[in-house]
Amino acid sequence: MDRDSERIIDANLNRATEGLRVVEDIFRYGLDDSRMQQKLKSMRHRLASAVDSGPFIASRDASADVGFDAKGALEDKRSSLKDIFRSNMKRVQEALRVLEEMMKLHSLAASRIMKEIRYACYQIERDMELMGKKTLPKGLYLILTDPPSGYGRMAEMAVAEKIPALQLRYKGTDSKIFLELACTLREITKGSETLFIVNDRVDIALLAHADGVHLGQGDIPPKEARRLAGGRLLIGLSTHTLDQVEQAGSEPVDYIGFGPVFTPFSKEDPDPVTGVETLRAAVGRSKHPVVAIGGITRERIEGFAGIPCRNVACIGAVAMSPDPSAEMRAIHTRIGEIL
């Protein structure tokens, strides 16, 4: 093997092992994940065992490296541990791809091992992305359906009150208007503690960069929604019967809505009212966190004591209040006290 090939192998062995060590320490110290830390440590050791770096070190000449001073536009930009993880995992994958090719000149067995480690890195990268997916915090789940105060103003109030989740329920037929509303609410909620969820439409949720999508029984099936969205969106599913709650247990959703617990204020043709005791049974049977919905007011929440709902959804009780901001604050606080 010539010296040029040895220099390439040496450089990429360094890149791969250094990058793996950074990722390993993120799981070790940043995430306290001993399982993943040990897995990455084993990968580093496997890499070292597959290729003895000793013979290639002699070819190293850092002072003559023509790429030493070259920098990419994003090389110095890191905003979080996850950002550092992504950068270093890409570094490892690229180095392993180079090693896979170059080791064909030296050892086909080592080349195959480089490929195996590279594919393992792809899976770790995917798992990390899913780990970073947001979850639905406990509290008020505010739904906006043509509120008198306007969508934008209500969203601003929700953000100011740090309401956990805000859902846009647009019942018109103009997809352009739906998308424009979604983008407006996304801009208002972006960077805040309020998750933004789009009702019914996976495409609108993805285009608007929403945090989640909520599906009805007649919408696109959750499996198809997950196939389209991957780990980018929280997915909720409406259920109205205990059978639907049981069926939802095998669906790739993050939470379910259950109701209407009371007669809704906002629907002309609602599903049959379930009542509080059926809600209790639904929460007991569900494999997913439950959001209670349907005709719920601050006073009616008192009857939910002892039912471990994740969230309570309100529409009219907040939207029609003389002071929506104060009402959402009061409901959110009471949910935390009772549930």
Protein backbone atom coordinates (compact mmCIF):
# COMPACT_ATOMS: atom_id res chain seq x y z
CA MET A 1 0.00 0.00 0.00
CA ASP A 2 1.38 3.43 -0.92
CA ARG A 3 1.95 6.28 1.51
CA ASP A 4 -0.96 8.36 0.19
CA SER A 5 -3.41 5.57 0.93
CA GLU A 6 -1.90 5.11 4.38
CA ARG A 7 -2.36 8.84 5.13
CA ILE A 8 -6.04 8.63 4.16
CA ILE A 9 -6.60 5.61 6.38
CA ASP A 10 -4.76 7.20 9.31
CA ALA A 11 -6.74 10.44 9.06
CA ASN A 12 -10.08 8.68 8.89
CA LEU A 13 -9.29 6.29 11.72
CA ASN A 14 -8.68 9.39 13.83
CA ARG A 15 -11.90 11.05 12.66
CA ALA A 16 -14.01 7.96 13.34
CA THR A 17 -12.60 7.20 16.80
CA GLU A 18 -12.65 10.84 17.91
CA GLY A 19 -16.23 11.30 16.73
CA LEU A 20 -17.35 8.08 18.43
CA ARG A 21 -15.75 9.24 21.68
CA VAL A 22 -17.63 12.56 21.55
CA VAL A 23 -20.94 10.76 20.96
CA GLU A 24 -20.13 8.22 23.70
CA ASP A 25 -19.53 11.00 26.22
CA ILE A 26 -22.82 12.68 25.28
CA PHE A 27 -24.66 9.50 26.23
CA ARG A 28 -22.43 8.97 29.29
CA TYR A 29 -22.43 12.43 30.86
CA GLY A 30 -25.18 14.32 29.03
CA LEU A 31 -27.92 11.66 28.97
CA ASP A 32 -26.79 9.24 31.71
CA ASP A 33 -27.52 6.38 29.31
CA SER A 34 -25.17 3.57 30.28
CA ARG A 35 -26.56 1.13 27.70
CA MET A 36 -25.79 3.42 24.77
CA GLN A 37 -22.47 4.49 26.29
CA GLN A 38 -21.37 0.85 26.46
CA LYS A 39 -22.60 0.20 22.92
CA LEU A 40 -20.55 3.09 21.55
CA LYS A 41 -17.53 2.04 23.58
CA SER A 42 -17.79 -1.45 22.07
CA MET A 43 -17.96 0.08 18.60
CA ARG A 44 -14.78 2.08 19.25
CA HIS A 45 -13.01 -1.04 20.45
CA ARG A 46 -14.25 -3.03 17.48
CA LEU A 47 -12.94 -0.36 15.14
CA ALA A 48 -9.55 -0.40 16.86
CA SER A 49 -9.41 -4.21 16.71
CA ALA A 50 -10.33 -4.32 13.03
CA VAL A 51 -7.55 -1.96 11.96
CA ASP A 52 -4.20 -1.69 13.73
CA SER A 53 -3.41 2.00 13.50
CA GLY A 54 0.30 1.49 14.23
CA PRO A 55 1.48 0.85 10.67
CA PHE A 56 -0.36 3.95 9.40
CA ILE A 57 0.91 6.46 11.98
CA ALA A 58 4.29 6.64 10.27
CA SER A 59 2.62 8.16 7.22
CA ARG A 60 1.14 11.00 9.27
CA ASP A 61 2.30 14.52 8.40
CA ALA A 62 -0.06 17.02 10.01
CA SER A 63 2.10 20.03 9.15
CA ALA A 64 1.82 19.23 5.43
CA ASP A 65 -1.97 18.70 5.48
CA VAL A 66 -3.33 21.06 2.81
CA GLY A 67 -6.79 20.90 4.38
CA PHE A 68 -5.73 21.92 7.89
CA ASP A 69 -6.86 25.55 7.55
CA ALA A 70 -10.01 24.80 5.53
CA LYS A 71 -13.24 25.39 7.45
CA GLY A 72 -16.87 24.89 6.52
CA ALA A 73 -19.43 27.61 7.17
CA LEU A 74 -21.08 25.63 10.00
CA GLU A 75 -17.94 24.14 11.57
CA ASP A 76 -17.88 26.51 14.56
CA LYS A 77 -21.65 26.62 15.07
CA ARG A 78 -23.11 24.35 17.79
CA SER A 79 -26.30 25.19 19.67
CA SER A 80 -26.96 22.12 21.83
CA LEU A 81 -25.73 18.66 22.79
CA LYS A 82 -28.02 17.26 20.13
CA ASP A 83 -26.37 19.52 17.55
CA ILE A 84 -22.94 18.26 18.65
CA PHE A 85 -24.26 14.69 18.45
CA ARG A 86 -25.48 15.19 14.88
CA SER A 87 -22.22 16.80 13.74
CA ASN A 88 -20.03 14.10 15.21
CA MET A 89 -22.22 11.24 14.06
CA LYS A 90 -22.03 12.55 10.50
CA ARG A 91 -18.25 12.84 10.92
CA VAL A 92 -18.07 9.20 12.01
CA GLN A 93 -20.28 7.99 9.17
CA GLU A 94 -18.24 9.83 6.55
CA ALA A 95 -14.94 8.56 7.97
CA LEU A 96 -16.23 4.98 8.03
CA ARG A 97 -17.33 5.24 4.40
CA VAL A 98 -13.83 6.34 3.42
CA LEU A 99 -12.29 3.53 5.49
CA GLU A 100 -14.66 1.00 3.93
CA GLU A 101 -13.33 1.91 0.49
CA MET A 102 -9.66 2.33 1.40
CA MET A 103 -9.46 -0.90 3.38
CA LYS A 104 -10.37 -2.80 0.23
CA LEU A 105 -6.72 -2.20 -0.68
CA HIS A 106 -5.58 -3.68 2.61
CA SER A 107 -8.17 -6.09 4.09
CA LEU A 108 -11.60 -7.03 2.77
CA ALA A 109 -12.58 -8.32 6.22
CA ALA A 110 -11.76 -4.93 7.77
CA SER A 111 -13.69 -3.19 4.97
CA ARG A 112 -16.80 -5.21 5.82
CA ILE A 113 -16.47 -4.32 9.50
CA MET A 114 -16.32 -0.60 8.59
CA LYS A 115 -19.59 -1.04 6.71
CA GLU A 116 -21.23 -2.83 9.64
CA ILE A 117 -20.20 -0.12 12.11
CA ARG A 118 -21.39 2.59 9.71
CA TYR A 119 -24.85 1.03 9.49
CA ALA A 120 -24.97 0.71 13.28
CA CYS A 121 -24.27 4.46 13.43
CA TYR A 122 -27.22 5.14 11.13
CA GLN A 123 -29.50 3.30 13.57
CA ILE A 124 -28.10 5.17 16.59
CA GLU A 125 -28.67 8.46 14.77
CA ARG A 126 -32.29 7.52 14.08
CA ASP A 127 -32.87 6.42 17.68
CA MET A 128 -31.41 9.67 18.99
CA GLU A 129 -33.75 11.71 16.79
CA LEU A 130 -36.75 9.81 18.16
CA MET A 131 -35.48 10.26 21.72
CA GLY A 132 -35.50 13.98 21.17
CA LYS A 133 -39.13 14.01 20.12
CA LYS A 134 -41.31 16.20 22.30
CA THR A 135 -43.88 14.80 24.68
CA LEU A 136 -47.18 16.33 25.71
CA PRO A 137 -46.78 18.06 29.10
CA LYS A 138 -49.58 17.76 31.65
CA GLY A 139 -52.20 20.50 31.87
CA LEU A 140 -54.56 22.47 29.66
CA TYR A 141 -54.83 21.41 26.02
CA LEU A 142 -56.33 24.49 24.38
CA ILE A 143 -58.24 24.03 21.12
CA LEU A 144 -58.95 27.01 18.89
CA THR A 145 -62.00 26.87 16.61
CA ASP A 146 -62.73 30.32 15.21
CA PRO A 147 -62.34 32.07 18.61
CA PRO A 148 -63.98 35.52 18.96
CA SER A 149 -60.65 37.05 20.04
CA GLY A 150 -58.95 35.73 16.90
CA TYR A 151 -56.50 32.88 16.43
CA GLY A 152 -53.38 35.00 16.74
CA ARG A 153 -54.43 36.82 19.89
CA MET A 154 -55.48 33.57 21.59
CA ALA A 155 -52.16 31.97 20.67
CA GLU A 156 -50.29 34.92 22.15
CA MET A 157 -52.27 34.53 25.39
CA ALA A 158 -51.52 30.78 25.51
CA VAL A 159 -47.80 31.40 25.08
CA ALA A 160 -47.81 34.12 27.74
CA GLU A 161 -49.60 31.77 30.17
CA LYS A 162 -47.25 28.87 29.25
CA ILE A 163 -50.15 26.62 28.30
CA PRO A 164 -48.72 23.17 27.40
CA ALA A 165 -50.50 22.63 24.09
CA LEU A 166 -52.44 24.61 21.52
CA GLN A 167 -54.39 22.90 18.75
CA LEU A 168 -55.57 24.61 15.59
CA ARG A 169 -58.94 23.19 14.61
CA TYR A 170 -59.81 24.82 11.29
CA LYS A 171 -63.14 23.66 9.93
CA GLY A 172 -63.11 25.55 6.65
CA THR A 173 -62.41 23.92 3.28
CA ASP A 174 -59.68 26.26 2.00
CA SER A 175 -56.33 24.51 2.46
CA LYS A 176 -54.44 27.70 1.67
CA ILE A 177 -56.12 29.53 4.55
CA PHE A 178 -55.53 26.52 6.81
CA LEU A 179 -51.80 26.55 6.01
CA GLU A 180 -51.52 30.31 6.47
CA LEU A 181 -53.20 30.06 9.90
CA ALA A 182 -50.94 27.18 10.86
CA CYS A 183 -47.80 29.10 9.85
CA THR A 184 -48.98 32.14 11.82
CA LEU A 185 -49.60 30.13 14.98
CA ARG A 186 -46.32 28.27 14.53
CA GLU A 187 -44.48 31.59 14.41
CA ILE A 188 -46.20 32.75 17.61
CA THR A 189 -45.51 29.50 19.51
CA LYS A 190 -42.01 28.85 18.14
CA GLY A 191 -39.41 28.64 20.90
CA SER A 192 -42.05 28.78 23.64
CA GLU A 193 -43.30 26.19 26.15
CA THR A 194 -46.54 25.85 24.18
CA LEU A 195 -46.61 22.95 21.73
CA PHE A 196 -48.42 23.66 18.48
CA ILE A 197 -50.65 20.90 17.13
CA VAL A 198 -52.63 20.84 13.88
CA ASN A 199 -55.97 19.06 13.70
CA ASP A 200 -56.64 16.40 11.03
CA ARG A 201 -54.01 17.33 8.41
CA VAL A 202 -50.56 15.71 8.48
CA ASP A 203 -49.52 17.66 5.38
CA ILE A 204 -50.39 21.02 6.95
CA ALA A 205 -48.61 20.04 10.18
CA LEU A 206 -45.42 19.13 8.32
CA LEU A 207 -45.47 22.18 6.05
CA ALA A 208 -45.98 24.50 9.03
CA HIS A 209 -43.29 22.72 11.10
CA ALA A 210 -45.83 22.04 13.84
CA ASP A 211 -45.02 19.96 16.91
CA GLY A 212 -47.85 17.53 16.32
CA VAL A 213 -50.99 16.47 14.50
CA HIS A 214 -54.27 15.28 15.99
CA LEU A 215 -56.23 12.71 13.99
CA GLY A 216 -59.90 11.83 14.04
CA GLN A 217 -61.32 8.37 13.47
CA GLY A 218 -62.04 9.29 9.86
CA ASP A 219 -58.64 10.82 9.07
CA ILE A 220 -55.53 9.21 7.66
CA PRO A 221 -54.67 6.09 9.75
CA PRO A 222 -52.03 6.68 12.45
CA LYS A 223 -49.62 4.16 10.87
CA GLU A 224 -49.67 6.12 7.62
CA ALA A 225 -49.29 9.40 9.50
CA ARG A 226 -46.26 8.01 11.32
CA ARG A 227 -44.81 6.74 8.05
CA LEU A 228 -45.08 10.25 6.60
CA ALA A 229 -43.97 12.15 9.70
CA GLY A 230 -41.45 9.76 11.22
CA GLY A 231 -40.40 11.15 14.58
CA ARG A 232 -40.99 14.76 13.60
CA LEU A 233 -44.53 15.00 14.96
CA LEU A 234 -46.44 14.05 18.06
CA ILE A 235 -49.49 12.13 16.92
CA GLY A 236 -52.79 12.19 18.79
CA LEU A 237 -55.92 10.18 18.02
CA SER A 238 -59.54 10.91 18.94
CA THR A 239 -61.47 8.04 20.56
CA HIS A 240 -65.11 7.95 21.58
CA THR A 241 -65.67 4.42 22.90
CA LEU A 242 -63.79 1.97 25.08
CA ASP A 243 -63.34 -0.31 22.06
CA GLN A 244 -61.59 2.50 20.21
CA VAL A 245 -59.39 3.10 23.26
CA GLU A 246 -58.36 -0.58 23.22
CA GLN A 247 -57.67 -0.48 19.48
CA ALA A 248 -55.55 2.66 19.89
CA GLY A 249 -53.20 0.66 22.12
CA SER A 250 -51.56 -0.89 19.06
CA GLU A 251 -51.36 2.35 17.09
CA PRO A 252 -48.14 4.43 16.81
CA VAL A 253 -49.64 7.43 18.60
CA ASP A 254 -48.32 9.51 21.49
CA TYR A 255 -51.65 10.25 23.18
CA ILE A 256 -55.38 9.83 22.68
CA GLY A 257 -58.29 12.19 23.11
CA PHE A 258 -61.39 10.72 24.74
CA GLY A 259 -64.90 12.12 24.74
CA PRO A 260 -67.08 14.01 24.49
CA VAL A 261 -67.28 13.72 28.26
CA PHE A 262 -70.07 16.35 28.25
CA THR A 263 -72.13 17.86 25.45
CA PRO A 264 -69.68 19.95 23.39
CA PHE A 265 -70.19 23.67 22.90
CA SER A 266 -68.56 23.73 19.47
CA LYS A 267 -70.01 20.80 17.49
CA GLU A 268 -73.40 20.67 15.83
CA ASP A 269 -73.41 16.86 15.48
CA PRO A 270 -71.22 15.50 18.29
CA ASP A 271 -70.54 11.87 19.13
CA PRO A 272 -72.59 10.42 22.02
CA VAL A 273 -71.63 11.81 25.42
CA THR A 274 -69.43 9.39 27.37
CA GLY A 275 -69.71 10.78 30.88
CA VAL A 276 -67.12 10.97 33.64
CA GLU A 277 -67.21 7.30 34.66
CA THR A 278 -66.54 6.10 31.13
CA LEU A 279 -63.65 8.56 31.00
CA ARG A 280 -62.32 6.93 34.17
CA ALA A 281 -62.55 3.50 32.52
CA ALA A 282 -60.87 4.80 29.35
CA VAL A 283 -57.91 6.19 31.31
CA GLY A 284 -57.59 2.84 33.10
CA ARG A 285 -57.52 0.87 29.86
CA SER A 286 -55.45 3.18 27.67
CA LYS A 287 -51.83 2.39 26.90
CA HIS A 288 -51.33 6.05 25.98
CA PRO A 289 -51.78 9.32 27.92
CA VAL A 290 -55.39 10.54 27.71
CA VAL A 291 -56.73 14.01 26.95
CA ALA A 292 -60.30 14.47 28.16
CA ILE A 293 -62.42 16.54 25.78
CA GLY A 294 -65.97 17.74 25.24
CA GLY A 295 -67.96 20.45 27.00
CA ILE A 296 -65.42 20.80 29.80
CA THR A 297 -65.46 23.91 31.99
CA ARG A 298 -63.49 24.94 35.06
CA GLU A 299 -66.39 23.84 37.27
CA ARG A 300 -66.74 20.44 35.58
CA ILE A 301 -63.05 19.66 36.07
CA GLU A 302 -63.84 19.24 39.78
CA GLY A 303 -65.54 15.96 38.91
CA PHE A 304 -62.32 14.55 37.43
CA ALA A 305 -60.60 14.17 40.82
CA GLY A 306 -58.84 10.81 41.02
CA ILE A 307 -58.82 10.28 37.24
CA PRO A 308 -55.19 10.43 36.06
CA CYS A 309 -55.79 12.20 32.76
CA ARG A 310 -52.71 13.66 31.15
CA ASN A 311 -54.57 16.72 29.89
CA VAL A 312 -57.97 18.36 29.73
CA ALA A 313 -59.01 19.99 26.46
CA CYS A 314 -61.08 23.17 26.49
CA ILE A 315 -62.57 25.14 23.63
CA GLY A 316 -65.64 27.24 24.40
CA ALA A 317 -64.95 27.57 28.12
CA VAL A 318 -61.88 29.65 27.27
CA ALA A 319 -62.82 31.19 23.94
CA MET A 320 -66.18 32.53 25.16
CA SER A 321 -64.84 33.80 28.48
CA PRO A 322 -64.84 37.60 29.06
CA ASP A 323 -61.15 37.19 29.95
CA PRO A 324 -59.72 34.21 28.01
CA SER A 325 -56.22 34.67 29.39
CA ALA A 326 -57.39 34.56 33.01
CA GLU A 327 -59.65 31.59 32.29
CA MET A 328 -56.96 29.49 30.63
CA ARG A 329 -54.64 30.28 33.54
CA ALA A 330 -57.26 29.25 36.10
CA ILE A 331 -58.14 26.02 34.26
CA HIS A 332 -54.50 25.06 33.75
CA THR A 333 -53.74 25.66 37.44
CA ARG A 334 -56.75 23.64 38.59
CA ILE A 335 -55.82 20.72 36.35
CA GLY A 336 -52.44 20.59 38.03
CA GLU A 337 -54.07 20.60 41.46
CA ILE A 338 -56.72 17.96 40.81
CA LEU A 339 -55.27 15.49 38.32
